[in-house]
Protein backbone atom coordinates (compact mmCIF):
# COMPACT_ATOMS: atom_id res chain seq x y z
CA MET A 1 90.57 100.98 82.79
CA ALA A 2 91.75 100.32 86.36
CA VAL A 3 94.70 102.09 87.89
CA ARG A 4 96.66 100.58 90.79
CA PHE A 5 98.46 102.56 93.41
CA ALA A 6 100.91 101.43 96.10
CA SER A 7 99.87 102.66 99.50
CA SER A 8 102.22 101.40 102.32
CA MET A 9 105.20 99.02 102.59
CA SER A 10 107.01 97.00 105.13
CA LYS A 11 110.32 95.20 104.46
CA ALA A 12 112.31 92.52 106.29
CA LYS A 13 115.82 91.28 105.31
CA PHE A 14 117.90 88.40 106.64
CA GLY A 15 121.19 87.61 104.94
CA ASN A 16 120.40 87.11 101.25
CA ILE A 17 116.61 86.94 101.49
CA ALA A 18 114.06 89.52 101.81
CA GLN A 19 110.28 89.80 102.25
CA VAL A 20 108.24 92.94 101.19
CA PHE A 21 104.65 93.49 101.99
CA SER A 22 102.93 96.37 100.14
CA SER A 23 99.35 97.41 100.19
CA TYR A 24 97.59 98.62 97.10
CA GLU A 25 94.50 100.45 96.08
CA SER A 26 92.72 99.91 92.71
CA ARG A 27 90.80 102.84 91.17
CA THR A 28 89.02 103.61 87.90
CA ALA A 29 90.76 107.03 87.95
CA PRO A 30 93.35 108.78 90.15
CA THR A 31 90.72 110.95 91.92
CA GLU A 32 88.18 108.19 92.34
CA LYS A 33 87.56 106.21 95.62
CA PRO A 34 89.28 102.85 95.53
CA PHE A 35 86.98 99.87 94.48
CA ALA A 36 89.51 97.27 95.84
CA ARG A 37 92.40 97.25 98.30
CA GLY A 38 94.75 94.39 99.25
CA VAL A 39 98.25 93.30 100.06
CA ASN A 40 101.07 92.13 97.79
CA SER A 41 103.71 89.71 99.24
CA ILE A 42 107.07 89.66 97.39
CA GLN A 43 109.89 87.19 98.26
CA LEU A 44 113.40 88.12 96.95
CA PHE A 45 116.88 86.46 96.91
CA ASN A 46 120.29 88.07 96.46
CA ASP A 47 122.75 85.96 94.63
CA GLY A 48 125.70 88.40 95.49
CA SER A 49 125.28 90.57 92.49
CA ARG A 50 121.49 91.33 92.27
CA TRP A 51 118.05 90.76 93.84
CA TRP A 52 115.86 88.13 92.11
CA VAL A 53 112.05 87.95 92.69
CA LEU A 54 111.27 84.47 93.70
CA SER A 55 107.46 84.82 94.19
CA ILE A 56 104.73 87.31 94.30
CA LEU A 57 101.32 86.65 96.01
CA TRP A 58 98.45 88.99 96.67
CA ASP A 59 95.15 88.87 98.64
CA GLU A 60 92.23 91.28 98.33
CA GLU A 61 90.74 93.06 101.39
CA SER A 62 87.25 91.97 102.52
CA PRO A 63 85.19 92.52 105.57
CA ALA A 64 86.47 89.23 107.08
CA ASN A 65 90.06 90.04 105.85
CA PRO A 66 90.81 93.74 106.52
CA LEU A 67 94.16 95.30 105.82
CA PRO A 68 96.48 95.06 108.81
CA PRO A 69 96.85 98.51 110.54
CA GLU A 70 100.56 98.87 109.61
CA LEU A 71 99.62 98.60 105.93
CA ALA A 72 96.33 100.31 105.89
CA THR A 73 95.93 103.84 104.68
CA PRO A 74 92.71 105.84 104.77
CA ALA A 75 90.74 105.52 101.63
CA LYS A 76 90.52 108.78 99.72
């Protein structure tokens, strides 16, 4: 069973829209080294009474596509 942990997050908001980037680490156990890392991208819209998730995208880290420094955390 894989366990996924959020690592870092950056947020941007303009009016009724928001964008959240969050990095993640996937592990087989909480104390194990991550076997995968990547970034989630979440777009939200506020209709005046609540936030709605419009889309969620993600991409996995690779040697050609490393995590950006602002979202990278040292692997434990």
